[in-house]
Protein backbone atom coordinates (compact mmCIF):
# COMPACT_ATOMS: atom_id res chain seq x y z
CA MET A 1 -9.77 60.52 175.62
CA SER A 2 -12.67 58.53 174.18
CA GLU A 3 -11.82 59.69 170.66
CA THR A 4 -8.18 58.67 171.15
CA ALA A 5 -9.12 55.25 172.47
CA GLY A 6 -11.48 54.76 169.56
CA ALA A 7 -8.75 55.66 167.05
CA VAL A 8 -6.32 53.18 168.58
CA GLY A 9 -8.85 50.36 168.24
CA VAL A 10 -9.42 50.82 164.49
CA ILE A 11 -8.64 47.76 162.34
CA HIS A 12 -7.75 48.68 158.79
CA ASP A 13 -8.88 46.46 155.93
CA LEU A 14 -5.68 45.37 154.16
CA GLY A 15 -7.43 43.15 151.62
CA TYR A 16 -7.28 39.90 153.59
CA ARG A 17 -10.25 37.71 154.30
CA SER A 18 -10.91 34.60 156.31
CA TYR A 19 -12.05 31.34 154.79
CA ASP A 20 -15.13 29.78 156.35
CA GLY A 21 -15.88 27.13 153.72
CA PRO A 22 -15.33 23.37 153.93
CA ARG A 23 -11.80 22.13 154.58
CA LEU A 24 -11.26 19.82 151.62
CA GLY A 25 -7.89 18.54 152.73
CA ARG A 26 -4.67 17.40 151.16
CA ALA A 27 -6.05 15.46 148.19
CA GLN A 28 -8.03 18.43 146.92
CA ILE A 29 -5.04 20.72 147.35
CA VAL A 30 -2.92 18.42 145.19
CA ARG A 31 -5.64 18.14 142.53
CA ALA A 32 -6.08 21.90 142.44
CA LEU A 33 -2.31 22.40 142.18
CA ILE A 34 -2.09 19.93 139.28
CA TRP A 35 -4.92 21.65 137.42
CA HIS A 36 -3.53 25.12 138.06
CA SER A 37 -0.04 24.03 136.92
CA PHE A 38 -1.39 22.32 133.81
CA ARG A 39 -3.23 25.50 132.83
CA SER A 40 -0.05 27.50 133.43
CA ALA A 41 1.96 25.14 131.21
CA TRP A 42 -0.37 25.99 128.32
CA GLY A 43 -0.70 29.67 129.20
CA ILE A 44 -4.39 29.36 130.08
CA GLY A 45 -5.53 32.18 132.31
CA ARG A 46 -2.37 34.18 131.62
CA GLY A 47 -1.41 36.95 129.25
CA VAL A 48 -0.77 36.73 125.53
CA LYS A 49 3.00 36.30 125.96
CA ALA A 50 2.48 33.17 128.06
CA LYS A 51 0.50 31.58 125.23
CA ILE A 52 3.00 32.18 122.42
CA VAL A 53 5.33 29.19 122.99
CA PRO A 54 2.57 26.61 123.70
CA ILE A 55 0.53 27.66 120.66
CA LEU A 56 3.51 27.73 118.29
CA ALA A 57 4.68 24.35 119.62
CA ALA A 58 1.25 22.81 119.09
CA VAL A 59 0.97 24.25 115.57
CA ALA A 60 4.45 23.03 114.62
CA MET A 61 3.68 19.53 115.89
CA CYS A 62 0.33 19.32 114.12
CA LEU A 63 1.40 20.62 110.70
CA PRO A 64 2.91 17.30 109.53
CA ALA A 65 -0.33 15.53 110.47
CA VAL A 66 -2.31 18.02 108.40
CA ALA A 67 0.08 17.53 105.48
CA ASN A 68 -0.41 13.77 105.84
CA ALA A 69 -4.19 14.16 105.68
CA VAL A 70 -3.89 16.14 102.45
CA SER A 71 -1.54 13.56 100.94
CA VAL A 72 -3.77 10.63 101.89
CA ALA A 73 -6.85 12.40 100.56
CA GLN A 74 -5.08 12.70 97.19
CA GLY A 75 -4.44 8.97 97.07
CA GLY A 76 -1.06 8.77 98.78
CA THR A 77 0.04 6.64 101.71
CA ARG A 78 0.70 7.61 105.31
CA LEU A 79 3.79 9.83 105.40
CA PHE A 80 5.00 9.23 108.97
CA GLY A 81 5.21 6.34 111.39
CA TYR A 82 3.12 6.59 114.55
CA ASP A 83 6.02 5.54 116.77
CA VAL A 84 8.48 8.11 115.43
CA TYR A 85 6.26 10.77 113.81
CA VAL A 86 8.83 13.40 112.73
CA PRO A 87 11.81 12.61 115.00
CA GLN A 88 13.90 15.77 114.74
CA LEU A 89 10.86 18.06 114.80
CA ARG A 90 9.54 16.33 117.91
CA VAL A 91 12.87 16.74 119.71
CA VAL A 92 13.29 20.42 118.81
CA VAL A 93 9.71 21.34 119.73
CA LEU A 94 9.86 19.47 123.03
CA ILE A 95 13.15 21.14 123.97
CA ILE A 96 11.65 24.56 123.30
CA PHE A 97 8.44 23.69 125.12
CA ILE A 98 9.99 22.34 128.33
CA ALA A 99 12.69 25.04 128.34
CA ALA A 100 9.96 27.68 128.31
CA GLN A 101 7.26 26.03 130.43
CA ALA A 102 9.13 24.01 133.08
CA PRO A 103 10.53 27.22 134.65
CA GLU A 104 7.01 28.63 134.50
CA LEU A 105 5.86 25.89 136.87
CA VAL A 106 8.68 25.90 139.44
CA SER A 107 11.02 28.87 139.08
CA ARG A 108 8.30 31.46 139.63
CA ASP A 109 7.38 30.02 143.04
CA LEU A 110 11.03 29.77 144.07
CA ARG A 111 11.69 33.33 142.97
CA SER A 112 8.64 34.87 144.67
CA HIS A 113 9.17 32.88 147.92
CA VAL A 114 5.60 31.54 148.11
CA LEU A 115 6.58 27.95 148.89
CA PRO A 116 6.17 28.49 152.66
CA LEU A 117 2.52 29.27 151.96
CA TYR A 118 2.11 25.89 150.29
CA PHE A 119 4.03 24.03 152.97
CA SER A 120 2.00 25.68 155.75
CA ARG A 121 -0.98 23.70 154.47
CA PRO A 122 -1.37 19.93 155.02
CA LEU A 123 0.93 19.12 152.10
CA ARG A 124 3.62 16.53 152.44
CA ARG A 125 7.07 17.42 151.21
CA GLY A 126 6.65 15.34 148.06
CA ASP A 127 3.19 16.57 147.13
CA TYR A 128 4.28 19.86 145.58
CA PRO A 129 6.94 18.45 143.19
CA LEU A 130 4.67 15.47 142.40
CA ALA A 131 1.83 17.79 141.40
CA LYS A 132 4.15 19.87 139.22
CA TYR A 133 5.57 16.75 137.59
CA ILE A 134 2.13 15.31 136.82
CA ALA A 135 1.01 18.63 135.35
CA LEU A 136 4.05 18.98 133.07
CA THR A 137 3.78 15.32 132.03
CA LEU A 138 0.15 15.85 131.02
CA ALA A 139 1.11 18.99 129.11
CA CYS A 140 3.88 17.15 127.21
CA LEU A 141 1.56 14.20 126.63
CA LEU A 142 -1.00 16.48 125.03
CA LEU A 143 1.67 18.01 122.82
CA VAL A 144 2.94 14.60 121.67
CA GLU A 145 -0.26 12.57 121.39
CA VAL A 146 -2.66 15.00 119.71
CA PRO A 147 -0.62 15.10 116.46
CA LEU A 148 -0.66 11.28 116.42
CA LEU A 149 -4.43 11.26 116.75
CA LEU A 150 -4.71 13.80 113.94
CA LEU A 151 -2.39 11.63 111.86
CA TYR A 152 -4.62 8.64 112.58
CA VAL A 153 -7.86 10.43 111.77
CA GLY A 154 -6.44 11.89 108.56
CA THR A 155 -5.30 8.42 107.48
CA ILE A 156 -8.46 6.44 108.25
CA ALA A 157 -10.60 9.14 106.62
CA ALA A 158 -9.46 7.70 103.30
CA ALA A 159 -9.56 4.05 104.43
CA LYS A 160 -11.39 1.70 102.09
CA GLY A 161 -12.68 -0.74 104.67
CA ALA A 162 -12.68 -2.00 108.25
CA ARG A 163 -9.49 -3.96 107.60
CA ASP A 164 -7.58 -0.77 106.79
CA VAL A 165 -9.01 0.98 109.84
CA TRP A 166 -7.98 -1.88 112.11
CA SER A 167 -4.51 -1.94 110.59
CA GLN A 168 -4.05 1.76 111.33
CA THR A 169 -5.43 1.31 114.85
CA ARG A 170 -2.95 -1.47 115.59
CA ALA A 171 -0.13 0.78 114.38
CA LEU A 172 -1.39 3.73 116.45
CA ILE A 173 -1.45 1.98 119.85
CA PRO A 174 2.35 1.43 120.09
CA GLY A 175 2.84 5.01 118.91
CA LEU A 176 0.71 6.29 121.78
CA GLY A 177 2.79 4.18 124.18
CA VAL A 178 6.00 5.68 122.82
CA GLY A 179 4.52 9.15 123.23
CA LEU A 180 3.71 8.35 126.85
CA MET A 181 7.33 7.31 127.45
CA TRP A 182 8.53 10.58 125.95
CA ALA A 183 6.21 12.69 128.10
CA VAL A 184 7.08 10.85 131.33
CA LEU A 185 10.87 11.09 130.92
CA ILE A 186 11.22 14.50 129.27
CA ALA A 187 8.95 16.18 131.83
CA ALA A 188 11.09 14.78 134.65
CA VAL A 189 14.31 15.97 133.02
CA GLY A 190 12.97 19.45 132.31
CA LEU A 191 11.46 19.92 135.76
CA VAL A 192 14.50 18.87 137.78
CA LEU A 193 16.77 21.14 135.73
CA ALA A 194 14.37 24.08 136.02
CA SER A 195 14.12 23.67 139.81
CA LEU A 196 17.84 24.37 140.26
CA THR A 197 17.32 28.13 140.22
CA GLY A 198 14.59 30.62 140.94
CA ARG A 199 15.57 32.86 138.04
CA ARG A 200 13.45 31.93 135.07
CA ALA A 201 15.93 33.08 132.43
CA TYR A 202 18.69 30.98 133.99
CA ALA A 203 16.37 27.99 134.30
CA THR A 204 15.35 28.26 130.64
CA GLY A 205 19.00 28.37 129.61
CA ILE A 206 19.91 25.38 131.77
CA VAL A 207 17.11 23.24 130.35
CA ALA A 208 17.62 24.27 126.72
CA ILE A 209 21.41 23.99 126.72
CA SER A 210 21.50 20.68 128.60
CA CYS A 211 18.91 18.99 126.38
CA PHE A 212 20.20 20.36 123.10
CA LEU A 213 23.85 19.73 123.93
CA THR A 214 23.36 16.10 124.96
CA TRP A 215 21.18 15.43 121.92
CA THR A 216 23.79 16.96 119.60
CA VAL A 217 26.60 14.97 121.21
CA SER A 218 24.71 11.71 120.71
CA LEU A 219 23.96 12.49 117.05
CA VAL A 220 27.58 13.43 116.39
CA LEU A 221 28.81 10.21 117.97
CA ILE A 222 26.34 8.15 115.95
CA GLN A 223 27.43 9.83 112.73
CA ALA A 224 31.08 9.37 113.65
CA GLU A 225 30.48 5.63 114.00
CA GLY A 226 28.85 5.35 110.58
CA GLY A 227 25.31 6.67 111.02
CA ILE A 228 22.04 4.94 111.80
CA THR A 229 22.84 2.00 109.57
CA ALA A 230 26.10 1.21 111.41
CA THR A 231 26.43 -2.03 113.31
CA THR A 232 29.52 -1.25 115.39
CA THR A 233 29.45 -1.32 119.17
CA GLY A 234 30.22 2.40 119.32
CA ALA A 235 27.22 3.24 117.15
CA LYS A 236 24.93 1.04 119.23
CA ILE A 237 25.83 2.71 122.54
CA ALA A 238 26.28 6.28 121.24
CA GLY A 239 22.63 7.03 121.94
CA LEU A 240 23.09 6.63 125.68
CA PHE A 241 24.23 10.26 126.08
CA SER A 242 20.85 11.95 125.54
CA PRO A 243 17.35 11.27 126.90
CA PHE A 244 15.93 11.62 123.38
CA THR A 245 18.19 9.01 121.82
CA ILE A 246 17.75 6.79 124.87
CA LEU A 247 14.01 6.85 124.24
CA ASP A 248 14.54 6.01 120.58
CA GLY A 249 16.78 3.10 121.56
CA VAL A 250 14.09 1.81 123.93
CA ARG A 251 11.52 2.09 121.15
CA ILE A 252 13.64 0.01 118.78
CA TRP A 253 14.40 -2.52 121.53
CA LEU A 254 10.67 -2.95 122.24
CA GLY A 255 9.96 -3.75 118.60
CA GLY A 256 9.78 -0.44 116.74
CA THR A 257 10.43 -0.86 113.04
CA SER A 258 10.23 2.73 111.80
CA GLN A 259 13.52 4.48 111.13
CA GLY A 260 14.37 6.93 113.90
CA GLU A 261 17.59 8.60 115.02
CA ASP A 262 19.35 5.60 116.56
CA PRO A 263 20.89 2.55 114.92
CA ASN A 264 19.47 -0.76 116.06
CA PRO A 265 20.95 -1.32 119.55
CA GLY A 266 20.83 -5.10 119.14
CA HIS A 267 21.81 -6.88 122.34
CA PHE A 268 22.42 -3.47 123.95
CA GLY A 269 18.64 -2.85 123.95
CA PRO A 270 18.19 -3.79 127.63
CA LEU A 271 20.93 -1.28 128.46
CA TYR A 272 18.79 1.47 126.93
CA GLY A 273 15.85 0.33 129.01
CA VAL A 274 17.91 0.40 132.19
CA ALA A 275 19.30 3.83 131.25
CA ALA A 276 15.78 5.22 130.74
CA VAL A 277 14.56 3.90 134.10
CA ALA A 278 17.71 5.07 135.89
CA LEU A 279 17.47 8.55 134.38
CA LEU A 280 13.80 8.82 135.35
CA ALA A 281 14.53 7.68 138.90
CA ALA A 282 17.46 10.10 139.18
CA CYS A 283 15.37 13.04 137.99
CA LEU A 284 12.45 12.29 140.29
CA GLY A 285 14.80 11.65 143.19
CA GLY A 286 16.63 14.90 142.53
CA LEU A 287 13.33 16.78 142.33
CA ALA A 288 12.16 15.31 145.64
CA ALA A 289 15.50 16.09 147.29
CA ARG A 290 15.43 19.65 146.00
CA TYR A 291 12.04 20.40 147.53
CA ARG A 292 12.80 18.47 150.69
CA LYS A 293 15.69 20.85 151.20
CA VAL A 294 13.49 23.87 150.45
CA SER A 295 10.75 22.77 152.86
CA ARG A 296 13.22 22.05 155.65
CA SER A 297 14.97 25.38 155.22
CA CYS A 298 11.67 27.19 155.53
CA SER A 299 10.31 25.22 158.48
CA ALA A 300 13.60 25.41 160.40
CA ARG A 301 13.54 29.19 160.62
CA THR A 302 12.03 30.53 163.81
CA SER A 303 12.46 34.17 162.83
CA TRP A 304 10.51 35.09 159.69
CA LYS A 305 12.59 37.97 158.45
CA ARG A 306 12.37 39.47 155.00
CA SER A 307 16.01 38.67 154.31
CA SER A 308 15.42 34.97 154.97
CA GLY A 309 13.28 34.62 151.84
CA CYS A 310 10.51 32.85 153.80
CA PRO A 311 7.67 35.24 154.71
CA ALA A 312 5.56 34.12 157.64
CA PRO A 313 2.32 32.61 156.38
CA SER A 314 -0.90 33.23 158.25
CA ARG A 315 -3.14 30.27 158.97
CA SER A 316 -6.24 32.36 159.52
CA TRP A 317 -6.08 35.06 156.89
CA TRP A 318 -5.37 34.80 153.17
CA PRO A 319 -5.10 37.41 150.41
CA ALA A 320 -8.23 37.88 148.39
CA ALA A 321 -6.25 37.11 145.24
CA TRP A 322 -5.06 33.70 146.54
CA PRO A 323 -6.13 30.66 144.41
CA PRO A 324 -9.59 29.18 144.95
CA PRO A 325 -10.53 27.73 148.35
CA ALA A 326 -9.72 24.23 147.10
CA THR A 327 -6.07 25.24 146.74
CA SER A 328 -5.79 27.00 150.09
CA ALA A 329 -7.96 24.58 152.07
CA ARG A 330 -6.55 22.66 155.01
CA SER A 331 -7.87 19.81 157.03
CA GLY A 332 -8.83 20.32 160.61
CA GLY A 333 -10.26 23.36 162.33
């Protein structure tokens, strides 16, 4: 009888452990989630396949800057404007990048049903999508701004005096601002489209097709109205059908002089500004609504069945392979 009682009382080690460290709270959870998502966007800490798209995108974006450095070193002038860089290359690379990496940040969690584990911590409903958005924005910002800095360094390396350096610096600052606009808006567009499905392949297709199709439609409409030199009303508003041409219209409206993909919007410039802000607000609002729905659907279930897609999270025990304590920490005892 004693042997039987002893066997019944055995607790098997299933690989879970308790966390006895400091409870760092909500702010640290969000910071850890941003850092983890940023690393994932660039394939850091993942396998070789996860690094292919980010590395190729970075190389493709930096090659024109390297070519510019060679040209300037041989006595030539700067090949590209800081505010436009290489317009079509930037669009194509960004479409590929967000189509591949935005689903990496959101679709995987939706597919593997781990969101209840996040929402069982002291995270507000908007913290998770906000952290993902900040991470993807930073990843896009790095992809856009680093080539501009290389372009700047390659140009001033052959500068003949402080006047030339200052002239290049003044031209660089607006270019960095334009790059920030691109990262902020394109990250929002890519993330909200990728969050529509938990299947990564479908999410990649949705992002790529939506971005490429709208961009193509805008270019076709601009060409149909006479091209970038046209002054008709149709040509001036044709760029409103794609986030990329909207951004170029905003750049021209704010004083950009380099030739991009849009004709000068003229008095329609404020319309491009309003369109950019409205699109950003719509994307962020849609992202918040999407995860508000997900969090409510998980918290409303009283029976944690496998078929529900929301496994019951434990507040006392966590897998040994869970992210660092900062990610899984919670305030309170």
